[in-house]
């Protein structure tokens, strides 16, 4: 059985690729049809909300992430806790902590829950 980090990394790399390229469709494709998405604005459910959220982000925004903790919760579920730095061309970076739950779907592994919160000063 694959470890949690081995499961998380390809999904999160797709999320990162989409953000770095300002390609919200690639980001949204990393999420399940019923994904709960909580960025730094009100939550949404499903890939369309993810698409809308990332489409509204400024051009040139990029993200780097580090998996701080990961757990395999079952044969079809993994949990990740991330440190993420969102960089911008014209302002200071934003540091967040992100919790994700990924599930095995007919497509592959996808994010079914995403919760972001600012890092306290």
PDB file of N, CA and C in Angstrom:
ATOM      1  N   UNK A   1       0.849  -1.182   0.000  1.00  0.00           N
ATOM      2  CA  UNK A   1       0.000   0.000   0.000  1.00  0.00           C
ATOM      3  C   UNK A   1       0.892   1.243   0.000  1.00  0.00           C
ATOM      4  N   UNK A   2       0.574   2.191  -0.880  1.00  0.00           N
ATOM      5  CA  UNK A   2       1.335   3.432  -0.972  1.00  0.00           C
ATOM      6  C   UNK A   2       1.166   4.270   0.290  1.00  0.00           C
ATOM      7  N   UNK A   3       2.215   4.996   0.652  1.00  0.00           N
ATOM      8  CA  UNK A   3       2.151   5.891   1.784  1.00  0.00           C
ATOM      9  C   UNK A   3       1.364   7.150   1.449  1.00  0.00           C
ATOM     10  N   UNK A   4       0.936   7.856   2.490  1.00  0.00           N
ATOM     11  CA  UNK A   4       0.114   9.050   2.298  1.00  0.00           C
ATOM     12  C   UNK A   4       0.822  10.111   1.471  1.00  0.00           C
ATOM     13  N   UNK A   5       2.093  10.351   1.737  1.00  0.00           N
ATOM     14  CA  UNK A   5       2.799  11.395   0.995  1.00  0.00           C
ATOM     15  C   UNK A   5       2.921  11.031  -0.486  1.00  0.00           C
ATOM     16  N   UNK A   6       3.096   9.767  -0.795  1.00  0.00           N
ATOM     17  CA  UNK A   6       3.159   9.325  -2.201  1.00  0.00           C
ATOM     18  C   UNK A   6       1.836   9.571  -2.921  1.00  0.00           C
ATOM     19  N   UNK A   7       0.744   9.508  -2.185  1.00  0.00           N
ATOM     20  CA  UNK A   7      -0.582   9.764  -2.752  1.00  0.00           C
ATOM     21  C   UNK A   7      -0.805  11.270  -2.904  1.00  0.00           C
ATOM     22  N   UNK A   8      -0.442  12.032  -1.882  1.00  0.00           N
ATOM     23  CA  UNK A   8      -0.688  13.470  -1.876  1.00  0.00           C
ATOM     24  C   UNK A   8       0.130  14.222  -2.919  1.00  0.00           C
ATOM     25  N   UNK A   9       1.390  13.864  -3.057  1.00  0.00           N
ATOM     26  CA  UNK A   9       2.315  14.663  -3.869  1.00  0.00           C
ATOM     27  C   UNK A   9       1.830  14.871  -5.315  1.00  0.00           C
ATOM     28  N   UNK A  10       1.396  13.851  -6.069  1.00  0.00           N
ATOM     29  CA  UNK A  10       0.951  14.110  -7.452  1.00  0.00           C
ATOM     30  C   UNK A  10      -0.275  15.033  -7.522  1.00  0.00           C
ATOM     31  N   UNK A  11      -1.193  14.889  -6.579  1.00  0.00           N
ATOM     32  CA  UNK A  11      -2.392  15.737  -6.574  1.00  0.00           C
ATOM     33  C   UNK A  11      -1.996  17.182  -6.269  1.00  0.00           C
ATOM     34  N   UNK A  12      -1.151  17.362  -5.268  1.00  0.00           N
ATOM     35  CA  UNK A  12      -0.711  18.710  -4.899  1.00  0.00           C
ATOM     36  C   UNK A  12       0.185  19.325  -5.968  1.00  0.00           C
ATOM     37  N   UNK A  13       0.957  18.511  -6.649  1.00  0.00           N
ATOM     38  CA  UNK A  13       1.773  19.034  -7.750  1.00  0.00           C
ATOM     39  C   UNK A  13       0.889  19.537  -8.891  1.00  0.00           C
ATOM     40  N   UNK A  14      -0.222  18.858  -9.161  1.00  0.00           N
ATOM     41  CA  UNK A  14      -1.171  19.334 -10.172  1.00  0.00           C
ATOM     42  C   UNK A  14      -1.773  20.663  -9.735  1.00  0.00           C
ATOM     43  N   UNK A  15      -2.180  20.753  -8.464  1.00  0.00           N
ATOM     44  CA  UNK A  15      -2.723  21.992  -7.891  1.00  0.00           C
ATOM     45  C   UNK A  15      -1.705  23.120  -8.078  1.00  0.00           C
ATOM     46  N   UNK A  16      -0.447  22.868  -7.739  1.00  0.00           N
ATOM     47  CA  UNK A  16       0.629  23.858  -7.867  1.00  0.00           C
ATOM     48  C   UNK A  16       0.844  24.256  -9.335  1.00  0.00           C
ATOM     49  N   UNK A  17       0.907  23.282 -10.234  1.00  0.00           N
ATOM     50  CA  UNK A  17       1.107  23.574 -11.661  1.00  0.00           C
ATOM     51  C   UNK A  17       0.026  24.511 -12.185  1.00  0.00           C
ATOM     52  N   UNK A  18      -1.207  24.218 -11.817  1.00  0.00           N
ATOM     53  CA  UNK A  18      -2.321  25.057 -12.262  1.00  0.00           C
ATOM     54  C   UNK A  18      -2.231  26.473 -11.712  1.00  0.00           C
ATOM     55  N   UNK A  19      -1.879  26.600 -10.445  1.00  0.00           N
ATOM     56  CA  UNK A  19      -1.741  27.932  -9.842  1.00  0.00           C
ATOM     57  C   UNK A  19      -0.602  28.690 -10.511  1.00  0.00           C
ATOM     58  N   UNK A  20       0.554  28.054 -10.629  1.00  0.00           N
ATOM     59  CA  UNK A  20       1.735  28.720 -11.190  1.00  0.00           C
ATOM     60  C   UNK A  20       1.506  29.175 -12.627  1.00  0.00           C
ATOM     61  N   UNK A  21       0.692  28.441 -13.385  1.00  0.00           N
ATOM     62  CA  UNK A  21       0.413  28.770 -14.788  1.00  0.00           C
ATOM     63  C   UNK A  21      -0.830  29.652 -14.936  1.00  0.00           C
ATOM     64  N   UNK A  22      -1.449  30.031 -13.828  1.00  0.00           N
ATOM     65  CA  UNK A  22      -2.741  30.735 -13.829  1.00  0.00           C
ATOM     66  C   UNK A  22      -3.723  29.999 -14.749  1.00  0.00           C
ATOM     67  N   UNK A  23      -3.858  28.688 -14.480  1.00  0.00           N
ATOM     68  CA  UNK A  23      -4.741  27.808 -15.236  1.00  0.00           C
ATOM     69  C   UNK A  23      -5.760  27.210 -14.264  1.00  0.00           C
ATOM     70  N   UNK A  24      -6.844  27.945 -13.988  1.00  0.00           N
ATOM     71  CA  UNK A  24      -7.799  27.469 -12.989  1.00  0.00           C
ATOM     72  C   UNK A  24      -8.468  26.138 -13.339  1.00  0.00           C
ATOM     73  N   UNK A  25      -8.528  25.783 -14.618  1.00  0.00           N
ATOM     74  CA  UNK A  25      -9.113  24.491 -14.992  1.00  0.00           C
ATOM     75  C   UNK A  25      -8.246  23.344 -14.489  1.00  0.00           C
ATOM     76  N   UNK A  26      -6.920  23.488 -14.578  1.00  0.00           N
ATOM     77  CA  UNK A  26      -6.022  22.453 -14.065  1.00  0.00           C
ATOM     78  C   UNK A  26      -6.152  22.322 -12.562  1.00  0.00           C
ATOM     79  N   UNK A  27      -6.275  23.450 -11.874  1.00  0.00           N
ATOM     80  CA  UNK A  27      -6.466  23.415 -10.419  1.00  0.00           C
ATOM     81  C   UNK A  27      -7.786  22.701 -10.103  1.00  0.00           C
ATOM     82  N   UNK A  28      -8.862  23.123 -10.750  1.00  0.00           N
ATOM     83  CA  UNK A  28     -10.184  22.557 -10.476  1.00  0.00           C
ATOM     84  C   UNK A  28     -10.241  21.062 -10.760  1.00  0.00           C
ATOM     85  N   UNK A  29      -9.486  20.597 -11.748  1.00  0.00           N
ATOM     86  CA  UNK A  29      -9.470  19.170 -12.085  1.00  0.00           C
ATOM     87  C   UNK A  29      -8.853  18.316 -10.983  1.00  0.00           C
ATOM     88  N   UNK A  30      -8.145  18.932 -10.054  1.00  0.00           N
ATOM     89  CA  UNK A  30      -7.558  18.191  -8.937  1.00  0.00           C
ATOM     90  C   UNK A  30      -8.587  17.910  -7.841  1.00  0.00           C
ATOM     91  N   UNK A  31      -9.815  18.439  -7.972  1.00  0.00           N
ATOM     92  CA  UNK A  31     -10.848  18.342  -6.943  1.00  0.00           C
ATOM     93  C   UNK A  31     -11.993  17.447  -7.391  1.00  0.00           C
ATOM     94  N   UNK A  32     -12.606  16.768  -6.425  1.00  0.00           N
ATOM     95  CA  UNK A  32     -13.764  15.922  -6.710  1.00  0.00           C
ATOM     96  C   UNK A  32     -14.987  16.789  -7.041  1.00  0.00           C
ATOM     97  N   UNK A  33     -16.001  16.158  -7.614  1.00  0.00           N
ATOM     98  CA  UNK A  33     -17.225  16.873  -7.977  1.00  0.00           C
ATOM     99  C   UNK A  33     -17.955  17.443  -6.766  1.00  0.00           C
ATOM    100  N   UNK A  34     -17.734  16.860  -5.582  1.00  0.00           N
ATOM    101  CA  UNK A  34     -18.414  17.333  -4.377  1.00  0.00           C
ATOM    102  C   UNK A  34     -17.439  17.909  -3.341  1.00  0.00           C
ATOM    103  N   UNK A  35     -16.271  18.344  -3.806  1.00  0.00           N
ATOM    104  CA  UNK A  35     -15.227  18.845  -2.900  1.00  0.00           C
ATOM    105  C   UNK A  35     -15.702  20.073  -2.130  1.00  0.00           C
ATOM    106  N   UNK A  36     -15.377  20.095  -0.851  1.00  0.00           N
ATOM    107  CA  UNK A  36     -15.582  21.279  -0.023  1.00  0.00           C
ATOM    108  C   UNK A  36     -14.288  22.078  -0.095  1.00  0.00           C
ATOM    109  N   UNK A  37     -14.390  23.324  -0.559  1.00  0.00           N
ATOM    110  CA  UNK A  37     -13.222  24.172  -0.759  1.00  0.00           C
ATOM    111  C   UNK A  37     -13.354  25.423   0.098  1.00  0.00           C
ATOM    112  N   UNK A  38     -12.414  25.617   1.021  1.00  0.00           N
ATOM    113  CA  UNK A  38     -12.383  26.818   1.854  1.00  0.00           C
ATOM    114  C   UNK A  38     -11.034  27.494   1.672  1.00  0.00           C
ATOM    115  N   UNK A  39     -10.993  28.471   0.765  1.00  0.00           N
ATOM    116  CA  UNK A  39      -9.805  29.306   0.629  1.00  0.00           C
ATOM    117  C   UNK A  39      -9.891  30.413   1.661  1.00  0.00           C
ATOM    118  N   UNK A  40      -9.491  31.611   1.304  1.00  0.00           N
ATOM    119  CA  UNK A  40      -9.566  32.732   2.244  1.00  0.00           C
ATOM    120  C   UNK A  40     -10.831  33.561   2.051  1.00  0.00           C
ATOM    121  N   UNK A  41     -11.759  33.052   1.265  1.00  0.00           N
ATOM    122  CA  UNK A  41     -13.074  33.679   1.086  1.00  0.00           C
ATOM    123  C   UNK A  41     -14.126  32.616   1.403  1.00  0.00           C
ATOM    124  N   UNK A  42     -15.394  32.983   1.364  1.00  0.00           N
ATOM    125  CA  UNK A  42     -16.432  31.984   1.689  1.00  0.00           C
ATOM    126  C   UNK A  42     -16.261  30.686   0.909  1.00  0.00           C
ATOM    127  N   UNK A  43     -16.662  29.598   1.539  1.00  0.00           N
ATOM    128  CA  UNK A  43     -16.441  28.274   0.975  1.00  0.00           C
ATOM    129  C   UNK A  43     -17.325  28.025  -0.236  1.00  0.00           C
ATOM    130  N   UNK A  44     -16.953  27.004  -0.999  1.00  0.00           N
ATOM    131  CA  UNK A  44     -17.757  26.551  -2.120  1.00  0.00           C
ATOM    132  C   UNK A  44     -17.724  25.027  -2.143  1.00  0.00           C
ATOM    133  N   UNK A  45     -18.590  24.463  -2.961  1.00  0.00           N
ATOM    134  CA  UNK A  45     -18.639  23.012  -3.127  1.00  0.00           C
ATOM    135  C   UNK A  45     -18.511  22.710  -4.613  1.00  0.00           C
ATOM    136  N   UNK A  46     -17.559  21.850  -4.937  1.00  0.00           N
ATOM    137  CA  UNK A  46     -17.370  21.411  -6.318  1.00  0.00           C
ATOM    138  C   UNK A  46     -16.309  22.199  -7.065  1.00  0.00           C
ATOM    139  N   UNK A  47     -15.864  21.658  -8.192  1.00  0.00           N
ATOM    140  CA  UNK A  47     -14.779  22.255  -8.958  1.00  0.00           C
ATOM    141  C   UNK A  47     -15.070  23.656  -9.500  1.00  0.00           C
ATOM    142  N   UNK A  48     -16.327  23.988  -9.781  1.00  0.00           N
ATOM    143  CA  UNK A  48     -16.623  25.317 -10.322  1.00  0.00           C
ATOM    144  C   UNK A  48     -16.228  26.410  -9.331  1.00  0.00           C
ATOM    145  N   UNK A  49     -16.471  26.185  -8.052  1.00  0.00           N
ATOM    146  CA  UNK A  49     -16.066  27.153  -7.038  1.00  0.00           C
ATOM    147  C   UNK A  49     -14.559  27.296  -6.958  1.00  0.00           C
ATOM    148  N   UNK A  50     -13.847  26.184  -7.099  1.00  0.00           N
ATOM    149  CA  UNK A  50     -12.382  26.210  -7.117  1.00  0.00           C
ATOM    150  C   UNK A  50     -11.909  26.995  -8.335  1.00  0.00           C
ATOM    151  N   UNK A  51     -12.492  26.716  -9.486  1.00  0.00           N
ATOM    152  CA  UNK A  51     -12.142  27.423 -10.723  1.00  0.00           C
ATOM    153  C   UNK A  51     -12.333  28.931 -10.541  1.00  0.00           C
ATOM    154  N   UNK A  52     -13.494  29.321 -10.053  1.00  0.00           N
ATOM    155  CA  UNK A  52     -13.805  30.743  -9.874  1.00  0.00           C
ATOM    156  C   UNK A  52     -12.822  31.408  -8.921  1.00  0.00           C
ATOM    157  N   UNK A  53     -12.491  30.726  -7.833  1.00  0.00           N
ATOM    158  CA  UNK A  53     -11.563  31.262  -6.833  1.00  0.00           C
ATOM    159  C   UNK A  53     -10.189  31.521  -7.459  1.00  0.00           C
ATOM    160  N   UNK A  54      -9.641  30.532  -8.140  1.00  0.00           N
ATOM    161  CA  UNK A  54      -8.295  30.683  -8.699  1.00  0.00           C
ATOM    162  C   UNK A  54      -8.275  31.541  -9.959  1.00  0.00           C
ATOM    163  N   UNK A  55      -9.369  31.612 -10.694  1.00  0.00           N
ATOM    164  CA  UNK A  55      -9.443  32.489 -11.853  1.00  0.00           C
ATOM    165  C   UNK A  55      -9.356  33.952 -11.416  1.00  0.00           C
ATOM    166  N   UNK A  56      -9.840  34.247 -10.219  1.00  0.00           N
ATOM    167  CA  UNK A  56      -9.829  35.618  -9.695  1.00  0.00           C
ATOM    168  C   UNK A  56      -8.477  36.022  -9.107  1.00  0.00           C
ATOM    169  N   UNK A  57      -7.552  35.082  -8.984  1.00  0.00           N
ATOM    170  CA  UNK A  57      -6.234  35.407  -8.425  1.00  0.00           C
ATOM    171  C   UNK A  57      -5.406  36.168  -9.455  1.00  0.00           C
ATOM    172  N   UNK A  58      -4.481  36.999  -8.982  1.00  0.00           N
ATOM    173  CA  UNK A  58      -3.700  37.808  -9.921  1.00  0.00           C
ATOM    174  C   UNK A  58      -2.733  36.977 -10.769  1.00  0.00           C
ATOM    175  N   UNK A  59      -2.523  37.440 -11.986  1.00  0.00           N
ATOM    176  CA  UNK A  59      -1.515  36.822 -12.852  1.00  0.00           C
ATOM    177  C   UNK A  59      -0.168  36.878 -12.139  1.00  0.00           C
ATOM    178  N   UNK A  60       0.612  35.845 -12.294  1.00  0.00           N
ATOM    179  CA  UNK A  60       1.936  35.824 -11.686  1.00  0.00           C
ATOM    180  C   UNK A  60       1.981  35.248 -10.282  1.00  0.00           C
ATOM    181  N   UNK A  61       0.818  34.950  -9.703  1.00  0.00           N
ATOM    182  CA  UNK A  61       0.817  34.314  -8.384  1.00  0.00           C
ATOM    183  C   UNK A  61       1.351  32.887  -8.530  1.00  0.00           C
ATOM    184  N   UNK A  62       2.228  32.503  -7.627  1.00  0.00           N
ATOM    185  CA  UNK A  62       2.764  31.143  -7.611  1.00  0.00           C
ATOM    186  C   UNK A  62       2.655  30.603  -6.197  1.00  0.00           C
ATOM    187  N   UNK A  63       2.825  29.292  -6.064  1.00  0.00           N
ATOM    188  CA  UNK A  63       2.770  28.681  -4.740  1.00  0.00           C
ATOM    189  C   UNK A  63       3.889  27.655  -4.603  1.00  0.00           C
ATOM    190  N   UNK A  64       4.451  27.627  -3.418  1.00  0.00           N
ATOM    191  CA  UNK A  64       5.348  26.545  -3.023  1.00  0.00           C
ATOM    192  C   UNK A  64       4.752  25.928  -1.779  1.00  0.00           C
ATOM    193  N   UNK A  65       4.882  24.620  -1.655  1.00  0.00           N
ATOM    194  CA  UNK A  65       4.292  23.958  -0.493  1.00  0.00           C
ATOM    195  C   UNK A  65       5.250  22.930   0.076  1.00  0.00           C
ATOM    196  N   UNK A  66       5.006  22.629   1.327  1.00  0.00           N
ATOM    197  CA  UNK A  66       5.736  21.568   2.014  1.00  0.00           C
ATOM    198  C   UNK A  66       4.710  20.752   2.792  1.00  0.00           C
ATOM    199  N   UNK A  67       4.762  19.443   2.652  1.00  0.00           N
ATOM    200  CA  UNK A  67       3.884  18.573   3.431  1.00  0.00           C
ATOM    201  C   UNK A  67       4.485  18.451   4.827  1.00  0.00           C
ATOM    202  N   UNK A  68       3.750  18.957   5.827  1.00  0.00           N
ATOM    203  CA  UNK A  68       4.218  18.908   7.211  1.00  0.00           C
ATOM    204  C   UNK A  68       3.844  17.586   7.875  1.00  0.00           C
ATOM    205  N   UNK A  69       2.643  17.115   7.585  1.00  0.00           N
ATOM    206  CA  UNK A  69       2.147  15.858   8.150  1.00  0.00           C
ATOM    207  C   UNK A  69       1.282  15.175   7.108  1.00  0.00           C
ATOM    208  N   UNK A  70       1.286  13.869   7.135  1.00  0.00           N
ATOM    209  CA  UNK A  70       0.410  13.114   6.241  1.00  0.00           C
ATOM    210  C   UNK A  70       0.007  11.819   6.928  1.00  0.00           C
ATOM    211  N   UNK A  71      -1.198  11.388   6.640  1.00  0.00           N
ATOM    212  CA  UNK A  71      -1.730  10.154   7.213  1.00  0.00           C
ATOM    213  C   UNK A  71      -2.559   9.435   6.163  1.00  0.00           C
ATOM    214  N   UNK A  72      -2.443   8.148   6.152  1.00  0.00           N
ATOM    215  CA  UNK A  72      -3.324   7.297   5.345  1.00  0.00           C
ATOM    216  C   UNK A  72      -4.487   6.932   6.251  1.00  0.00           C
ATOM    217  N   UNK A  73      -5.696   7.409   5.944  1.00  0.00           N
ATOM    218  CA  UNK A  73      -6.858   7.187   6.802  1.00  0.00           C
ATOM    219  C   UNK A  73      -7.632   5.932   6.434  1.00  0.00           C
ATOM    220  N   UNK A  74      -7.322   5.355   5.313  1.00  0.00           N
ATOM    221  CA  UNK A  74      -7.968   4.140   4.839  1.00  0.00           C
ATOM    222  C   UNK A  74      -7.420   3.821   3.467  1.00  0.00           C
ATOM    223  N   UNK A  75      -7.923   2.778   2.856  1.00  0.00           N
ATOM    224  CA  UNK A  75      -7.378   2.382   1.558  1.00  0.00           C
ATOM    225  C   UNK A  75      -7.654   3.421   0.475  1.00  0.00           C
ATOM    226  N   UNK A  76      -8.714   4.222   0.635  1.00  0.00           N
ATOM    227  CA  UNK A  76      -9.093   5.197  -0.384  1.00  0.00           C
ATOM    228  C   UNK A  76      -9.061   6.641   0.098  1.00  0.00           C
ATOM    229  N   UNK A  77      -8.397   6.904   1.249  1.00  0.00           N
ATOM    230  CA  UNK A  77      -8.410   8.246   1.835  1.00  0.00           C
ATOM    231  C   UNK A  77      -7.053   8.569   2.440  1.00  0.00           C
ATOM    232  N   UNK A  78      -6.575   9.805   2.171  1.00  0.00           N
ATOM    233  CA  UNK A  78      -5.336  10.285   2.791  1.00  0.00           C
ATOM    234  C   UNK A  78      -5.535  11.736   3.224  1.00  0.00           C
ATOM    235  N   UNK A  79      -4.825  12.110   4.274  1.00  0.00           N
ATOM    236  CA  UNK A  79      -4.908  13.435   4.867  1.00  0.00           C
ATOM    237  C   UNK A  79      -3.550  14.105   4.766  1.00  0.00           C
ATOM    238  N   UNK A  80      -3.544  15.393   4.460  1.00  0.00           N
ATOM    239  CA  UNK A  80      -2.297  16.141   4.433  1.00  0.00           C
ATOM    240  C   UNK A  80      -2.450  17.473   5.125  1.00  0.00           C
ATOM    241  N   UNK A  81      -1.376  17.905   5.796  1.00  0.00           N
ATOM    242  CA  UNK A  81      -1.308  19.218   6.427  1.00  0.00           C
ATOM    243  C   UNK A  81      -0.081  19.905   5.846  1.00  0.00           C
ATOM    244  N   UNK A  82      -0.284  21.078   5.228  1.00  0.00           N
ATOM    245  CA  UNK A  82       0.751  21.728   4.430  1.00  0.00           C
ATOM    246  C   UNK A  82       1.109  23.101   4.951  1.00  0.00           C
ATOM    247  N   UNK A  83       2.335  23.495   4.711  1.00  0.00           N
ATOM    248  CA  UNK A  83       2.752  24.892   4.786  1.00  0.00           C
ATOM    249  C   UNK A  83       2.823  25.357   3.339  1.00  0.00           C
ATOM    250  N   UNK A  84       2.174  26.474   3.036  1.00  0.00           N
ATOM    251  CA  UNK A  84       2.165  26.986   1.667  1.00  0.00           C
ATOM    252  C   UNK A  84       2.525  28.465   1.660  1.00  0.00           C
ATOM    253  N   UNK A  85       3.322  28.846   0.672  1.00  0.00           N
ATOM    254  CA  UNK A  85       3.671  30.253   0.480  1.00  0.00           C
ATOM    255  C   UNK A  85       3.203  30.665  -0.905  1.00  0.00           C
ATOM    256  N   UNK A  86       2.255  31.598  -0.935  1.00  0.00           N
ATOM    257  CA  UNK A  86       1.749  32.149  -2.178  1.00  0.00           C
ATOM    258  C   UNK A  86       2.512  33.443  -2.455  1.00  0.00           C
ATOM    259  N   UNK A  87       3.244  33.483  -3.572  1.00  0.00           N
ATOM    260  CA  UNK A  87       4.069  34.634  -3.929  1.00  0.00           C
ATOM    261  C   UNK A  87       3.382  35.447  -5.026  1.00  0.00           C
ATOM    262  N   UNK A  88       3.583  36.759  -4.969  1.00  0.00           N
ATOM    263  CA  UNK A  88       2.967  37.685  -5.913  1.00  0.00           C
ATOM    264  C   UNK A  88       4.040  38.583  -6.517  1.00  0.00           C
ATOM    265  N   UNK A  89       3.752  39.128  -7.676  1.00  0.00           N
ATOM    266  CA  UNK A  89       4.703  40.028  -8.346  1.00  0.00           C
ATOM    267  C   UNK A  89       4.835  41.362  -7.631  1.00  0.00           C
ATOM    268  N   UNK A  90       3.742  41.852  -7.066  1.00  0.00           N
ATOM    269  CA  UNK A  90       3.711  43.233  -6.597  1.00  0.00           C
ATOM    270  C   UNK A  90       3.338  43.405  -5.128  1.00  0.00           C
ATOM    271  N   UNK A  91       3.418  42.342  -4.338  1.00  0.00           N
ATOM    272  CA  UNK A  91       3.126  42.468  -2.904  1.00  0.00           C
ATOM    273  C   UNK A  91       3.793  41.335  -2.143  1.00  0.00           C
ATOM    274  N   UNK A  92       3.725  41.438  -0.843  1.00  0.00           N
ATOM    275  CA  UNK A  92       4.346  40.440   0.022  1.00  0.00           C
ATOM    276  C   UNK A  92       3.686  39.072  -0.157  1.00  0.00           C
ATOM    277  N   UNK A  93       4.462  38.039   0.080  1.00  0.00           N
ATOM    278  CA  UNK A  93       3.941  36.671   0.037  1.00  0.00           C
ATOM    279  C   UNK A  93       2.944  36.450   1.165  1.00  0.00           C
ATOM    280  N   UNK A  94       2.078  35.486   0.956  1.00  0.00           N
ATOM    281  CA  UNK A  94       1.097  35.083   1.966  1.00  0.00           C
ATOM    282  C   UNK A  94       1.440  33.661   2.396  1.00  0.00           C
ATOM    283  N   UNK A  95       1.570  33.465   3.699  1.00  0.00           N
ATOM    284  CA  UNK A  95       1.887  32.150   4.255  1.00  0.00           C
ATOM    285  C   UNK A  95       0.619  31.561   4.857  1.00  0.00           C
ATOM    286  N   UNK A  96       0.293  30.347   4.441  1.00  0.00           N
ATOM    287  CA  UNK A  96      -0.921  29.670   4.902  1.00  0.00           C
ATOM    288  C   UNK A  96      -0.586  28.274   5.403  1.00  0.00           C
ATOM    289  N   UNK A  97      -1.486  27.745   6.187  1.00  0.00           N
ATOM    290  CA  UNK A  97      -1.509  26.328   6.512  1.00  0.00           C
ATOM    291  C   UNK A  97      -2.751  25.786   5.812  1.00  0.00           C
ATOM    292  N   UNK A  98      -2.602  24.640   5.179  1.00  0.00           N
ATOM    293  CA  UNK A  98      -3.693  24.054   4.408  1.00  0.00           C
ATOM    294  C   UNK A  98      -3.861  22.598   4.814  1.00  0.00           C
ATOM    295  N   UNK A  99      -5.091  22.236   5.095  1.00  0.00           N
ATOM    296  CA  UNK A  99      -5.442  20.846   5.334  1.00  0.00           C
ATOM    297  C   UNK A  99      -6.182  20.309   4.129  1.00  0.00           C
ATOM    298  N   UNK A 100      -5.788  19.136   3.650  1.00  0.00           N
ATOM    299  CA  UNK A 100      -6.468  18.513   2.520  1.00  0.00           C
ATOM    300  C   UNK A 100      -6.804  17.060   2.863  1.00  0.00           C
ATOM    301  N   UNK A 101      -7.915  16.623   2.315  1.00  0.00           N
ATOM    302  CA  UNK A 101      -8.272  15.211   2.330  1.00  0.00           C
ATOM    303  C   UNK A 101      -8.399  14.809   0.868  1.00  0.00           C
ATOM    304  N   UNK A 102      -7.700  13.760   0.488  1.00  0.00           N
ATOM    305  CA  UNK A 102      -7.799  13.255  -0.880  1.00  0.00           C
ATOM    306  C   UNK A 102      -8.425  11.865  -0.850  1.00  0.00           C
ATOM    307  N   UNK A 103      -9.214  11.598  -1.881  1.00  0.00           N
ATOM    308  CA  UNK A 103      -9.864  10.292  -1.987  1.00  0.00           C
ATOM    309  C   UNK A 103      -9.586   9.698  -3.360  1.00  0.00           C
ATOM    310  N   UNK A 104      -9.611   8.374  -3.389  1.00  0.00           N
ATOM    311  CA  UNK A 104      -9.466   7.678  -4.674  1.00  0.00           C
ATOM    312  C   UNK A 104     -10.814   7.731  -5.374  1.00  0.00           C
ATOM    313  N   UNK A 105     -10.798   8.182  -6.621  1.00  0.00           N
ATOM    314  CA  UNK A 105     -12.012   8.255  -7.424  1.00  0.00           C
ATOM    315  C   UNK A 105     -11.803   7.398  -8.668  1.00  0.00           C
ATOM    316  N   UNK A 106     -12.786   7.382  -9.524  1.00  0.00           N
ATOM    317  CA  UNK A 106     -12.615   6.649 -10.782  1.00  0.00           C
ATOM    318  C   UNK A 106     -11.556   7.319 -11.657  1.00  0.00           C
ATOM    319  N   UNK A 107     -11.292   8.604 -11.429  1.00  0.00           N
ATOM    320  CA  UNK A 107     -10.284   9.347 -12.195  1.00  0.00           C
ATOM    321  C   UNK A 107      -8.867   9.062 -11.703  1.00  0.00           C
ATOM    322  N   UNK A 108      -8.693   8.940 -10.411  1.00  0.00           N
ATOM    323  CA  UNK A 108      -7.409   8.777  -9.731  1.00  0.00           C
ATOM    324  C   UNK A 108      -7.621   9.293  -8.314  1.00  0.00           C
ATOM    325  N   UNK A 109      -6.632   9.948  -7.752  1.00  0.00           N
ATOM    326  CA  UNK A 109      -6.771  10.585  -6.445  1.00  0.00           C
ATOM    327  C   UNK A 109      -7.100  12.056  -6.671  1.00  0.00           C
ATOM    328  N   UNK A 110      -8.074  12.567  -5.897  1.00  0.00           N
ATOM    329  CA  UNK A 110      -8.478  13.965  -6.009  1.00  0.00           C
ATOM    330  C   UNK A 110      -8.757  14.534  -4.623  1.00  0.00           C
ATOM    331  N   UNK A 111      -8.686  15.860  -4.537  1.00  0.00           N
ATOM    332  CA  UNK A 111      -8.961  16.552  -3.272  1.00  0.00           C
ATOM    333  C   UNK A 111     -10.462  16.600  -3.056  1.00  0.00           C
ATOM    334  N   UNK A 112     -10.895  16.165  -1.880  1.00  0.00           N
ATOM    335  CA  UNK A 112     -12.312  16.213  -1.543  1.00  0.00           C
ATOM    336  C   UNK A 112     -12.607  17.249  -0.457  1.00  0.00           C
ATOM    337  N   UNK A 113     -11.562  17.691   0.240  1.00  0.00           N
ATOM    338  CA  UNK A 113     -11.711  18.737   1.251  1.00  0.00           C
ATOM    339  C   UNK A 113     -10.430  19.554   1.282  1.00  0.00           C
ATOM    340  N   UNK A 114     -10.590  20.883   1.318  1.00  0.00           N
ATOM    341  CA  UNK A 114      -9.459  21.829   1.303  1.00  0.00           C
ATOM    342  C   UNK A 114      -9.809  22.949   2.269  1.00  0.00           C
ATOM    343  N   UNK A 115      -8.965  23.162   3.248  1.00  0.00           N
ATOM    344  CA  UNK A 115      -9.197  24.191   4.265  1.00  0.00           C
ATOM    345  C   UNK A 115      -7.923  24.992   4.451  1.00  0.00           C
ATOM    346  N   UNK A 116      -7.958  26.280   4.114  1.00  0.00           N
ATOM    347  CA  UNK A 116      -6.771  27.146   4.249  1.00  0.00           C
ATOM    348  C   UNK A 116      -6.973  28.105   5.410  1.00  0.00           C
ATOM    349  N   UNK A 117      -5.891  28.398   6.124  1.00  0.00           N
ATOM    350  CA  UNK A 117      -5.933  29.396   7.189  1.00  0.00           C
ATOM    351  C   UNK A 117      -4.598  30.132   7.250  1.00  0.00           C
ATOM    352  N   UNK A 118      -4.647  31.421   7.595  1.00  0.00           N
ATOM    353  CA  UNK A 118      -3.422  32.203   7.690  1.00  0.00           C
ATOM    354  C   UNK A 118      -2.538  31.691   8.828  1.00  0.00           C
ATOM    355  N   UNK A 119      -1.246  31.897   8.686  1.00  0.00           N
ATOM    356  CA  UNK A 119      -0.310  31.573   9.751  1.00  0.00           C
ATOM    357  C   UNK A 119      -0.314  32.753  10.710  1.00  0.00           C
ATOM    358  N   UNK A 120      -0.572  32.514  11.990  1.00  0.00           N
ATOM    359  CA  UNK A 120      -0.585  33.631  12.940  1.00  0.00           C
ATOM    360  C   UNK A 120       0.792  34.306  13.029  1.00  0.00           C
ATOM    361  N   UNK A 121       0.782  35.606  13.251  1.00  0.00           N
ATOM    362  CA  UNK A 121       2.037  36.348  13.420  1.00  0.00           C
ATOM    363  C   UNK A 121       2.767  35.957  14.687  1.00  0.00           C
TER     364      UNK A 121
END
